[in-house]
Amino acid sequence: MEKLTQLEQQIEQLLQQQDYPDDFPQQLENLVALRHQEVENILGQPDLTRVVFDDVVARTKALKSLIQQHKDIIGERLVRSKKSKQSLSLYSNIQQNGL
């Protein structure tokens, strides 16, 4: 369960960054995939208890809700990030070409 907690914390930290890195979608996808694998490992244990199962289900619902809440913010920041890169590129072009 410790690995699951660490992955969830990494996902939360990634979502809460002010500016998303260029590889944000890939990072989020990788962390979610790793978390999914860890959930499968936990749920596949022969000594799985109902308490652990219920905890994993609740945590999965909470993470899904968190990602849904950030969906609009994610889209907005990615668009803003792309626009600012385009603006910076245009500005650099103007400086280099003296336009």
Protein backbone atom coordinates (compact mmCIF):
# COMPACT_ATOMS: atom_id res chain seq x y z
CA MET A 1 0.00 0.00 0.00
CA GLU A 2 2.98 2.30 0.53
CA LYS A 3 3.81 2.29 -3.19
CA LEU A 4 0.19 3.09 -3.99
CA THR A 5 0.30 6.04 -1.59
CA GLN A 6 3.53 7.32 -3.15
CA LEU A 7 2.07 7.13 -6.67
CA GLU A 8 -1.07 8.96 -5.57
CA GLN A 9 1.02 11.69 -3.97
CA GLN A 10 3.07 12.06 -7.16
CA ILE A 11 -0.12 12.38 -9.22
CA GLU A 12 -1.50 15.01 -6.83
CA GLN A 13 1.76 16.98 -6.91
CA LEU A 14 1.82 16.88 -10.70
CA LEU A 15 -1.77 18.13 -10.90
CA GLN A 16 -1.13 20.98 -8.47
CA GLN A 17 1.85 22.50 -10.28
CA GLN A 18 1.40 26.11 -11.39
CA ASP A 19 2.85 25.46 -14.84
CA TYR A 20 2.73 22.05 -16.37
CA PRO A 21 5.94 20.75 -17.96
CA ASP A 22 5.99 19.99 -21.68
CA ASP A 23 5.70 16.28 -20.99
CA PHE A 24 2.81 16.71 -18.52
CA PRO A 25 0.36 14.44 -20.39
CA GLN A 26 2.98 11.69 -20.63
CA GLN A 27 3.93 12.03 -16.96
CA LEU A 28 0.30 11.85 -15.86
CA GLU A 29 -0.38 8.87 -18.12
CA ASN A 30 2.70 7.04 -16.81
CA LEU A 31 1.83 7.66 -13.15
CA VAL A 32 -1.78 6.58 -13.67
CA ALA A 33 -0.60 3.42 -15.47
CA LEU A 34 1.85 2.61 -12.67
CA ARG A 35 -0.91 3.15 -10.10
CA HIS A 36 -3.20 0.85 -12.08
CA GLN A 37 -0.53 -1.87 -12.05
CA GLU A 38 -0.08 -1.44 -8.30
CA VAL A 39 -3.85 -1.70 -7.76
CA GLU A 40 -3.89 -4.91 -9.79
CA ASN A 41 -1.02 -6.27 -7.67
CA ILE A 42 -2.83 -5.43 -4.44
CA LEU A 43 -6.18 -6.82 -5.59
CA GLY A 44 -4.47 -9.97 -6.89
CA GLN A 45 -3.00 -10.90 -3.51
CA PRO A 46 -4.34 -14.18 -2.16
CA ASP A 47 -4.66 -12.76 1.38
CA LEU A 48 -6.66 -9.70 0.27
CA THR A 49 -9.02 -8.52 2.97
CA ARG A 50 -12.30 -6.68 2.53
CA VAL A 51 -10.85 -3.68 4.38
CA VAL A 52 -7.96 -3.38 1.92
CA PHE A 53 -10.30 -3.89 -1.03
CA ASP A 54 -12.68 -1.19 0.20
CA ASP A 55 -9.74 1.17 0.84
CA VAL A 56 -8.38 0.70 -2.70
CA VAL A 57 -11.83 1.28 -4.20
CA ALA A 58 -12.35 4.44 -2.13
CA ARG A 59 -8.91 5.77 -3.03
CA THR A 60 -9.53 5.07 -6.72
CA LYS A 61 -12.81 6.97 -6.60
CA ALA A 62 -11.12 9.88 -4.82
CA LEU A 63 -8.31 10.02 -7.39
CA LYS A 64 -10.78 9.86 -10.26
CA SER A 65 -12.71 12.74 -8.70
CA LEU A 66 -9.50 14.75 -8.24
CA ILE A 67 -8.53 14.27 -11.89
CA GLN A 68 -12.05 15.24 -12.99
CA GLN A 69 -11.83 18.42 -10.88
CA HIS A 70 -8.54 19.31 -12.50
CA LYS A 71 -9.69 18.47 -16.03
CA ASP A 72 -10.64 22.04 -16.93
CA ILE A 73 -7.57 23.46 -15.21
CA ILE A 74 -5.35 20.98 -17.05
CA GLY A 75 -6.83 21.96 -20.41
CA GLU A 76 -6.55 25.67 -19.67
CA ARG A 77 -2.94 25.43 -18.53
CA LEU A 78 -1.90 23.31 -21.48
CA VAL A 79 -3.49 25.77 -23.91
CA ARG A 80 -1.87 28.70 -22.09
CA SER A 81 1.48 26.89 -22.10
CA LYS A 82 1.25 26.25 -25.85
CA LYS A 83 0.21 29.85 -26.53
CA SER A 84 3.06 31.27 -24.46
CA LYS A 85 5.55 29.03 -26.27
CA GLN A 86 4.16 30.21 -29.60
CA SER A 87 4.37 33.83 -28.43
CA LEU A 88 7.95 33.33 -27.26
CA SER A 89 8.82 31.69 -30.57
CA LEU A 90 7.25 34.56 -32.50
CA TYR A 91 9.07 37.10 -30.31
CA SER A 92 12.39 35.31 -30.87
CA ASN A 93 11.73 35.24 -34.61
CA ILE A 94 11.03 38.97 -34.64
CA GLN A 95 14.22 39.72 -32.69
CA GLN A 96 16.37 37.57 -34.95
CA ASN A 97 14.94 38.86 -38.20
CA GLY A 98 14.55 42.47 -37.09
CA LEU A 99 10.91 42.57 -38.15
